[in-house]
């Protein structure tokens, strides 16, 4: 027992020393709240998917289900973990500042965009390669076609985000000064035509761009220093919450802010006015939390954890569904396991699913170890660059490499997501 305690104490000391090195190498002017918000958004999406996505064994096939379908009173869970608006808020903020910095340094637009999109899409190659092989193997095997379709759809579902994010990133020079009320008005009119006047359902896909453009342009306004005071955050939080609640209670929008299998209307696919209003409220809360997050990130261990999440954000985002499916498929070898292959229609399923979360995390860790090098295009360097980005209104735009944090393990020189679409694009 004494040896075990000594080992644990030594491991803890090692973690604290490494965290202290990362903290010391981070420029003082870096706005750590941006990284913290990005990390919270990543973890929110991952946990949300792991909690509400069920792969039910139905005979020889696997089909998707959700506890939100059978237990609608769990809808508040979707409010906690549907954090995509924070992704786009941070993305708009960082892209706007990054483009301003590039212009100030004389970097042409096409060079700036090529670098951002290369970092954004490079990790996709590994996902597509693996699932191309897996799909071919499933089609050639005795697996049901419905199972193959379910698995491939889940694995590739994160890619829609990258396409929308890439389009908004490319349009940053045009969007940098667009007022958020313009895309919000588009969402309002599209929903009015769809739900109020019985317009065709395909009109809703206009909201795929307009809906996420709202938090993206809020991020741009944050970068311009227009949302620095607490008043703006409170206005967005209260106004967005009131609007979302009114739309759910009186306008008939679903209470769940994520898609539910079998539901007639989804708030997310494509985004509805209720989802956008809820996203506005999330953005307001994120803005109000900035100072608290900055204070929390002064703790070396907390900051090191956030930095490491940002470094691996793209890999986590792209592979978390694959980790879920790998654990589910492997578990089938032992039969129908509760919380993994059973119908999500009771509290016992929820308790079992919570117990499976560490297993999903362990499988995801294997994916991180196997595919993280793709995120930066391989390489054998040991240094990771920490780039500085300052809080809005406190200096020049960002983008300069300031210092390096030496860490063990492979990986080429890379940033902690401060410049935007690298590790922290999502």
Protein backbone atom coordinates (compact mmCIF):
# COMPACT_ATOMS: atom_id res chain seq x y z
CA UNK A 1 0.00 0.00 0.00
CA UNK A 2 2.86 2.37 0.80
CA UNK A 3 4.44 1.68 -2.59
CA UNK A 4 1.12 2.33 -4.32
CA UNK A 5 0.70 5.65 -2.54
CA UNK A 6 4.25 6.62 -3.46
CA UNK A 7 3.63 5.72 -7.09
CA UNK A 8 0.42 7.76 -7.20
CA UNK A 9 2.15 10.69 -5.54
CA UNK A 10 4.98 10.50 -8.06
CA UNK A 11 2.55 10.36 -10.96
CA UNK A 12 0.69 13.37 -9.60
CA UNK A 13 3.92 15.30 -9.24
CA UNK A 14 4.82 14.46 -12.83
CA UNK A 15 1.46 15.72 -14.09
CA UNK A 16 1.85 18.95 -12.14
CA UNK A 17 5.40 19.51 -13.46
CA UNK A 18 4.28 18.97 -17.05
CA UNK A 19 1.29 21.26 -16.53
CA UNK A 20 3.59 23.90 -15.06
CA UNK A 21 5.80 23.74 -18.17
CA UNK A 22 2.81 24.22 -20.46
CA UNK A 23 1.54 27.07 -18.30
CA UNK A 24 4.94 28.80 -18.22
CA UNK A 25 5.32 28.52 -22.01
CA UNK A 26 1.92 30.11 -22.70
CA UNK A 27 2.09 33.84 -23.50
CA UNK A 28 0.53 36.00 -20.80
CA UNK A 29 -1.62 37.82 -23.36
CA UNK A 30 -3.26 34.63 -24.64
CA UNK A 31 -7.03 34.62 -24.10
CA UNK A 32 -7.40 31.21 -22.49
CA UNK A 33 -11.17 31.58 -22.27
CA UNK A 34 -11.37 30.98 -26.02
CA UNK A 35 -9.64 27.63 -25.66
CA UNK A 36 -11.76 26.73 -22.64
CA UNK A 37 -14.99 27.43 -24.51
CA UNK A 38 -13.80 25.36 -27.45
CA UNK A 39 -12.87 22.44 -25.19
CA UNK A 40 -16.24 22.59 -23.42
CA UNK A 41 -18.01 22.58 -26.78
CA UNK A 42 -16.05 19.53 -27.96
CA UNK A 43 -16.71 17.57 -24.79
CA UNK A 44 -20.37 18.59 -24.82
CA UNK A 45 -20.92 17.19 -28.30
CA UNK A 46 -19.06 13.96 -27.53
CA UNK A 47 -20.89 13.28 -24.28
CA UNK A 48 -24.20 14.27 -25.85
CA UNK A 49 -23.80 11.77 -28.68
CA UNK A 50 -22.66 9.03 -26.35
CA UNK A 51 -25.64 9.58 -24.05
CA UNK A 52 -28.46 9.85 -26.60
CA UNK A 53 -27.27 7.60 -29.43
CA UNK A 54 -28.32 3.99 -29.02
CA UNK A 55 -27.56 1.16 -31.44
CA UNK A 56 -30.25 -1.40 -30.77
CA UNK A 57 -29.76 -5.00 -31.87
CA UNK A 58 -32.92 -5.91 -33.79
CA UNK A 59 -32.52 -9.46 -34.99
CA UNK A 60 -29.40 -9.50 -37.17
CA UNK A 61 -29.47 -5.73 -37.75
CA UNK A 62 -28.48 -2.67 -35.76
CA UNK A 63 -30.73 0.38 -35.83
CA UNK A 64 -30.43 3.78 -34.21
CA UNK A 65 -32.63 4.78 -31.33
CA UNK A 66 -32.58 7.42 -28.62
CA UNK A 67 -33.72 7.63 -25.00
CA UNK A 68 -35.25 10.98 -25.95
CA UNK A 69 -37.73 9.08 -28.09
CA UNK A 70 -38.98 6.91 -25.21
CA UNK A 71 -38.32 9.29 -22.31
CA UNK A 72 -39.22 12.77 -23.60
CA UNK A 73 -38.82 14.26 -20.12
CA UNK A 74 -35.06 13.88 -20.72
CA UNK A 75 -35.16 16.74 -23.24
CA UNK A 76 -33.19 19.05 -20.87
CA UNK A 77 -30.21 16.71 -21.38
CA UNK A 78 -30.08 17.94 -24.97
CA UNK A 79 -29.98 21.52 -23.72
CA UNK A 80 -26.83 20.75 -21.74
CA UNK A 81 -24.91 18.91 -24.46
CA UNK A 82 -26.04 20.59 -27.68
CA UNK A 83 -23.08 22.97 -27.80
CA UNK A 84 -22.66 23.49 -31.55
CA UNK A 85 -23.51 27.19 -31.29
CA UNK A 86 -20.44 27.65 -29.07
CA UNK A 87 -18.34 25.99 -31.79
CA UNK A 88 -19.49 28.56 -34.31
CA UNK A 89 -19.19 31.45 -31.85
CA UNK A 90 -15.55 30.61 -31.19
CA UNK A 91 -14.96 29.82 -34.87
CA UNK A 92 -16.28 33.20 -35.99
CA UNK A 93 -14.25 34.98 -33.33
CA UNK A 94 -10.97 33.26 -34.18
CA UNK A 95 -11.43 33.37 -37.97
CA UNK A 96 -12.21 37.09 -37.91
CA UNK A 97 -9.15 37.88 -35.82
CA UNK A 98 -7.00 35.49 -37.81
CA UNK A 99 -7.96 37.05 -41.12
CA UNK A 100 -7.36 40.55 -39.74
CA UNK A 101 -3.93 39.42 -38.58
CA UNK A 102 -3.16 37.88 -41.99
CA UNK A 103 -4.11 41.11 -43.76
CA UNK A 104 -1.98 43.15 -41.36
CA UNK A 105 1.00 40.90 -42.16
CA UNK A 106 0.37 41.06 -45.90
CA UNK A 107 -0.67 37.40 -46.23
CA UNK A 108 -2.90 36.93 -49.31
CA UNK A 109 -6.41 35.66 -48.75
CA UNK A 110 -5.86 32.44 -50.70
CA UNK A 111 -2.79 31.57 -48.61
CA UNK A 112 -4.67 32.23 -45.39
CA UNK A 113 -7.65 30.16 -46.51
CA UNK A 114 -5.57 27.29 -47.87
CA UNK A 115 -3.75 26.93 -44.57
CA UNK A 116 -6.95 26.93 -42.56
CA UNK A 117 -8.79 24.47 -44.80
CA UNK A 118 -5.78 22.15 -45.01
CA UNK A 119 -5.70 21.89 -41.22
CA UNK A 120 -9.45 21.49 -41.18
CA UNK A 121 -9.77 18.66 -43.70
CA UNK A 122 -6.50 16.73 -43.33
CA UNK A 123 -7.86 14.52 -40.51
CA UNK A 124 -10.88 13.62 -42.67
CA UNK A 125 -8.67 11.47 -44.92
CA UNK A 126 -8.09 8.91 -42.18
CA UNK A 127 -11.81 8.68 -41.35
CA UNK A 128 -12.80 8.25 -44.99
CA UNK A 129 -10.07 5.69 -45.65
CA UNK A 130 -10.98 3.53 -42.67
CA UNK A 131 -14.71 3.66 -43.36
CA UNK A 132 -14.25 2.97 -47.05
CA UNK A 133 -12.54 -0.29 -46.10
CA UNK A 134 -15.09 -1.02 -43.35
CA UNK A 135 -18.02 -0.35 -45.69
CA UNK A 136 -16.62 -2.65 -48.36
CA UNK A 137 -16.06 -5.38 -45.79
CA UNK A 138 -19.59 -5.02 -44.42
CA UNK A 139 -21.15 -5.11 -47.89
CA UNK A 140 -19.19 -8.24 -48.77
CA UNK A 141 -20.07 -9.93 -45.49
CA UNK A 142 -23.39 -11.29 -44.29
CA UNK A 143 -24.20 -8.05 -42.44
CA UNK A 144 -27.63 -6.57 -43.11
CA UNK A 145 -27.64 -3.60 -45.47
CA UNK A 146 -29.61 -1.61 -42.88
CA UNK A 147 -26.79 -2.17 -40.38
CA UNK A 148 -24.17 -1.00 -42.85
CA UNK A 149 -26.19 2.10 -43.67
CA UNK A 150 -26.71 2.91 -39.98
CA UNK A 151 -23.03 2.57 -39.11
CA UNK A 152 -21.73 4.56 -42.08
CA UNK A 153 -24.26 7.34 -41.52
CA UNK A 154 -23.24 7.67 -37.87
CA UNK A 155 -19.52 7.56 -38.66
CA UNK A 156 -19.69 10.23 -41.32
CA UNK A 157 -22.29 12.45 -39.66
CA UNK A 158 -19.64 14.81 -38.18
CA UNK A 159 -18.57 15.76 -41.70
CA UNK A 160 -21.61 17.95 -42.29
CA UNK A 161 -20.26 20.29 -39.64
CA UNK A 162 -16.90 20.57 -41.36
CA UNK A 163 -18.51 21.44 -44.69
CA UNK A 164 -20.63 24.21 -43.18
CA UNK A 165 -17.73 25.48 -41.09
CA UNK A 166 -15.44 25.49 -44.13
CA UNK A 167 -17.96 27.48 -46.16
CA UNK A 168 -18.34 30.09 -43.42
CA UNK A 169 -14.57 30.24 -42.99
CA UNK A 170 -14.09 30.87 -46.71
CA UNK A 171 -16.65 33.67 -46.54
CA UNK A 172 -15.09 35.31 -43.46
CA UNK A 173 -13.97 38.47 -45.33
CA UNK A 174 -17.62 39.03 -46.32
CA UNK A 175 -19.10 37.95 -43.00
CA UNK A 176 -16.73 39.76 -40.66
CA UNK A 177 -19.07 42.76 -40.41
CA UNK A 178 -22.41 41.12 -41.12
CA UNK A 179 -24.94 41.86 -38.38
CA UNK A 180 -26.32 38.67 -36.77
CA UNK A 181 -29.88 39.93 -37.23
CA UNK A 182 -29.66 39.36 -41.00
CA UNK A 183 -29.19 35.57 -40.89
CA UNK A 184 -31.62 35.43 -37.97
CA UNK A 185 -34.23 37.10 -40.17
CA UNK A 186 -33.62 34.46 -42.85
CA UNK A 187 -34.23 31.65 -40.34
CA UNK A 188 -37.41 33.38 -39.13
CA UNK A 189 -38.84 33.74 -42.63
CA UNK A 190 -37.88 30.22 -43.69
CA UNK A 191 -39.64 28.73 -40.65
CA UNK A 192 -42.63 30.99 -41.21
CA UNK A 193 -42.96 29.71 -44.76
CA UNK A 194 -42.40 26.06 -43.75
CA UNK A 195 -44.55 25.82 -40.65
CA UNK A 196 -46.86 28.81 -40.93
CA UNK A 197 -47.82 28.63 -44.60
CA UNK A 198 -47.18 24.97 -45.36
CA UNK A 199 -44.20 25.57 -47.62
CA UNK A 200 -42.07 22.70 -48.92
CA UNK A 201 -39.78 20.99 -46.42
CA UNK A 202 -36.70 21.55 -48.57
CA UNK A 203 -36.86 25.25 -47.76
CA UNK A 204 -35.52 24.36 -44.34
CA UNK A 205 -32.10 23.58 -45.76
CA UNK A 206 -31.53 27.30 -46.25
CA UNK A 207 -31.22 27.36 -42.45
CA UNK A 208 -28.22 25.03 -42.56
CA UNK A 209 -26.13 28.06 -43.49
CA UNK A 210 -28.25 30.86 -42.05
CA UNK A 211 -28.81 29.13 -38.71
CA UNK A 212 -25.12 28.61 -37.94
CA UNK A 213 -24.25 31.97 -39.42
CA UNK A 214 -25.97 33.59 -36.43
CA UNK A 215 -23.44 32.42 -33.79
CA UNK A 216 -20.60 32.76 -36.33
CA UNK A 217 -21.37 36.45 -36.84
CA UNK A 218 -21.77 36.86 -33.08
CA UNK A 219 -18.21 35.56 -32.83
CA UNK A 220 -17.13 38.13 -35.40
CA UNK A 221 -18.83 40.87 -33.36
CA UNK A 222 -16.97 39.59 -30.30
CA UNK A 223 -13.69 39.85 -32.23
CA UNK A 224 -14.54 43.47 -33.11
CA UNK A 225 -14.97 44.25 -29.42
CA UNK A 226 -18.72 44.83 -29.67
CA UNK A 227 -19.69 42.17 -27.12
CA UNK A 228 -17.08 42.81 -24.44
CA UNK A 229 -19.34 44.04 -21.65
CA UNK A 230 -21.61 41.81 -19.54
CA UNK A 231 -24.69 43.63 -20.83
CA UNK A 232 -24.38 42.00 -24.26
CA UNK A 233 -24.05 38.53 -22.75
CA UNK A 234 -27.07 39.04 -20.50
CA UNK A 235 -29.17 40.34 -23.39
CA UNK A 236 -28.31 37.34 -25.56
CA UNK A 237 -28.88 34.86 -22.73
CA UNK A 238 -32.22 36.26 -21.59
CA UNK A 239 -33.53 37.05 -25.07
CA UNK A 240 -32.49 33.71 -26.54
CA UNK A 241 -33.89 31.73 -23.61
CA UNK A 242 -37.21 33.56 -23.69
CA UNK A 243 -37.55 33.13 -27.45
CA UNK A 244 -36.66 29.43 -27.37
CA UNK A 245 -39.09 28.77 -24.50
CA UNK A 246 -41.90 30.63 -26.25
CA UNK A 247 -41.34 28.72 -29.48
CA UNK A 248 -41.43 25.37 -27.68
CA UNK A 249 -44.42 26.17 -25.45
CA UNK A 250 -46.62 28.14 -27.84
CA UNK A 251 -45.38 27.51 -31.36
CA UNK A 252 -45.13 23.73 -31.16
CA UNK A 253 -41.39 23.31 -31.72
CA UNK A 254 -39.84 20.13 -30.23
CA UNK A 255 -38.40 20.49 -26.75
CA UNK A 256 -35.32 18.46 -27.69
CA UNK A 257 -32.56 20.50 -29.27
CA UNK A 258 -31.16 17.43 -31.05
CA UNK A 259 -32.74 15.10 -33.57
CA UNK A 260 -34.91 12.27 -32.24
CA UNK A 261 -35.44 9.16 -34.40
CA UNK A 262 -39.03 8.95 -35.61
CA UNK A 263 -39.89 12.56 -34.71
CA UNK A 264 -41.84 14.57 -37.28
CA UNK A 265 -39.72 17.69 -36.84
CA UNK A 266 -36.07 17.99 -35.82
CA UNK A 267 -34.68 21.17 -34.31
CA UNK A 268 -31.25 20.38 -35.73
CA UNK A 269 -31.69 18.74 -39.11
CA UNK A 270 -32.00 21.40 -40.46
CA UNK A 271 -31.75 24.07 -37.73
CA UNK A 272 -35.03 25.65 -36.73
CA UNK A 273 -35.73 29.05 -35.25
CA UNK A 274 -36.01 27.41 -31.81
CA UNK A 275 -32.55 25.86 -32.13
CA UNK A 276 -31.07 29.16 -33.29
CA UNK A 277 -32.71 31.05 -30.41
CA UNK A 278 -31.34 28.45 -28.01
CA UNK A 279 -27.92 28.86 -29.62
CA UNK A 280 -28.11 32.62 -29.07
CA UNK A 281 -28.77 31.96 -25.39
CA UNK A 282 -25.76 29.62 -25.27
CA UNK A 283 -23.60 32.30 -26.85
CA UNK A 284 -24.76 34.79 -24.24
CA UNK A 285 -23.86 32.36 -21.46
CA UNK A 286 -20.47 31.70 -23.04
CA UNK A 287 -19.74 35.42 -23.16
CA UNK A 288 -20.75 35.84 -19.53
CA UNK A 289 -18.44 32.99 -18.49
CA UNK A 290 -15.33 34.45 -20.12
CA UNK A 291 -13.87 36.12 -17.03
CA UNK A 292 -14.53 33.10 -14.82
CA UNK A 293 -12.90 30.84 -17.38
CA UNK A 294 -9.88 33.11 -17.62
CA UNK A 295 -9.46 32.93 -13.85
CA UNK A 296 -9.93 29.17 -13.84
CA UNK A 297 -7.36 28.75 -16.60
CA UNK A 298 -4.71 30.39 -14.42
CA UNK A 299 -4.43 27.01 -12.69
CA UNK A 300 -1.68 25.12 -14.53
CA UNK A 301 -3.36 21.70 -14.42
CA UNK A 302 -6.71 23.05 -15.67
CA UNK A 303 -4.98 24.98 -18.46
CA UNK A 304 -2.88 21.99 -19.51
CA UNK A 305 -6.00 19.82 -19.75
CA UNK A 306 -7.76 22.42 -21.92
CA UNK A 307 -4.68 22.83 -24.11
CA UNK A 308 -4.42 19.08 -24.69
CA UNK A 309 -8.13 18.81 -25.55
CA UNK A 310 -7.68 21.60 -28.09
CA UNK A 311 -4.66 19.88 -29.61
CA UNK A 312 -6.74 16.76 -30.22
CA UNK A 313 -10.11 18.40 -30.84
CA UNK A 314 -10.41 17.42 -34.49
CA UNK A 315 -9.46 13.81 -33.82
CA UNK A 316 -11.90 13.60 -30.91
CA UNK A 317 -14.69 15.16 -32.96
CA UNK A 318 -14.19 12.95 -36.01
CA UNK A 319 -13.65 9.65 -34.19
CA UNK A 320 -15.99 9.71 -31.20
CA UNK A 321 -18.86 8.11 -33.12
CA UNK A 322 -16.51 5.42 -34.45
CA UNK A 323 -15.41 4.72 -30.87
CA UNK A 324 -19.06 4.29 -29.85
CA UNK A 325 -19.72 1.89 -32.74
CA UNK A 326 -16.53 -0.09 -32.19
CA UNK A 327 -17.43 -0.70 -28.55
CA UNK A 328 -20.99 -1.63 -29.52
CA UNK A 329 -19.91 -4.04 -32.26
CA UNK A 330 -17.30 -5.69 -30.05
CA UNK A 331 -19.82 -6.05 -27.25
CA UNK A 332 -22.11 -8.06 -29.54
CA UNK A 333 -19.65 -10.93 -29.20
CA UNK A 334 -20.89 -11.27 -25.62
CA UNK A 335 -24.57 -11.01 -26.55
CA UNK A 336 -27.09 -8.21 -26.03
CA UNK A 337 -25.63 -6.03 -23.31
CA UNK A 338 -27.78 -3.55 -21.35
CA UNK A 339 -27.08 0.06 -22.17
CA UNK A 340 -25.28 -0.97 -25.34
CA UNK A 341 -27.65 -3.04 -27.49
CA UNK A 342 -30.94 -2.82 -25.62
CA UNK A 343 -33.87 -0.50 -26.15
CA UNK A 344 -33.29 2.87 -24.40
CA UNK A 345 -36.67 3.06 -22.71
CA UNK A 346 -35.98 3.12 -19.00
CA UNK A 347 -33.83 4.44 -16.18
CA UNK A 348 -31.97 1.12 -16.09
CA UNK A 349 -30.73 1.81 -19.62
CA UNK A 350 -29.52 5.27 -18.58
CA UNK A 351 -27.62 3.83 -15.60
CA UNK A 352 -26.06 1.18 -17.82
CA UNK A 353 -25.12 3.72 -20.49
CA UNK A 354 -23.37 5.90 -17.91
CA UNK A 355 -21.32 2.86 -16.94
CA UNK A 356 -20.28 2.40 -20.57
CA UNK A 357 -18.90 5.95 -20.93
CA UNK A 358 -15.41 5.02 -19.64
CA UNK A 359 -15.30 2.20 -22.19
CA UNK A 360 -16.17 4.59 -25.02
CA UNK A 361 -13.48 6.96 -23.74
CA UNK A 362 -10.90 4.16 -23.70
CA UNK A 363 -11.73 3.18 -27.30
CA UNK A 364 -11.54 6.83 -28.30
CA UNK A 365 -8.11 7.04 -26.65
CA UNK A 366 -6.97 4.20 -28.92
CA UNK A 367 -8.26 6.17 -31.93
CA UNK A 368 -6.40 9.24 -30.71
CA UNK A 369 -3.16 7.30 -30.43
CA UNK A 370 -3.62 5.73 -33.87
CA UNK A 371 -4.84 8.71 -35.89
CA UNK A 372 -3.80 11.92 -34.14
CA UNK A 373 -0.72 12.30 -36.36
CA UNK A 374 -3.08 12.73 -39.33
CA UNK A 375 -4.40 15.88 -37.68
CA UNK A 376 -1.07 17.58 -38.38
CA UNK A 377 -0.01 15.60 -41.41
CA UNK A 378 2.44 13.32 -39.59
CA UNK A 379 5.95 14.42 -38.77
CA UNK A 380 8.42 13.56 -36.04
CA UNK A 381 8.97 16.79 -34.18
CA UNK A 382 8.44 16.99 -30.44
CA UNK A 383 7.53 20.64 -30.02
CA UNK A 384 4.10 22.10 -30.04
CA UNK A 385 3.66 25.77 -30.67
CA UNK A 386 1.50 27.79 -28.33
CA UNK A 387 0.18 30.77 -30.23
CA UNK A 388 -1.03 33.93 -28.58
CA UNK A 389 -4.47 35.36 -29.07
CA UNK A 390 -5.42 38.32 -27.00
CA UNK A 391 -8.79 39.14 -25.49
CA UNK A 392 -10.91 41.38 -27.73
CA UNK A 393 -9.89 45.00 -27.59
CA UNK A 394 -6.54 44.28 -25.95
CA UNK A 395 -3.99 44.56 -28.64
CA UNK A 396 -3.40 43.48 -32.16
CA UNK A 397 -4.98 40.48 -33.87
CA UNK A 398 -3.30 37.20 -33.37
CA UNK A 399 -1.55 34.51 -35.27
CA UNK A 400 2.14 34.76 -34.34
CA UNK A 401 3.98 31.77 -32.98
CA UNK A 402 5.24 32.87 -29.60
CA UNK A 403 6.69 29.94 -27.74
CA UNK A 404 7.00 26.17 -27.78
CA UNK A 405 5.93 23.63 -25.25
CA UNK A 406 8.14 20.57 -25.20
CA UNK A 407 6.16 17.40 -24.71
CA UNK A 408 6.86 13.75 -24.96
CA UNK A 409 5.54 11.71 -27.84
CA UNK A 410 5.44 12.24 -31.56
CA UNK A 411 3.78 14.91 -33.61
CA UNK A 412 5.11 17.83 -35.53
CA UNK A 413 5.09 21.45 -34.51
CA UNK A 414 1.49 22.39 -33.85
CA UNK A 415 -0.61 25.00 -32.11
CA UNK A 416 -3.19 24.72 -29.37
CA UNK A 417 -5.96 25.92 -31.63
CA UNK A 418 -5.44 29.62 -31.06
CA UNK A 419 -5.15 30.32 -34.73
CA UNK A 420 -8.51 28.76 -35.40
CA UNK A 421 -8.95 25.86 -37.72
CA UNK A 422 -6.08 23.76 -36.51
CA UNK A 423 -6.73 21.51 -33.58
CA UNK A 424 -9.37 23.86 -32.32
CA UNK A 425 -11.53 24.39 -35.36
CA UNK A 426 -14.45 22.45 -34.04
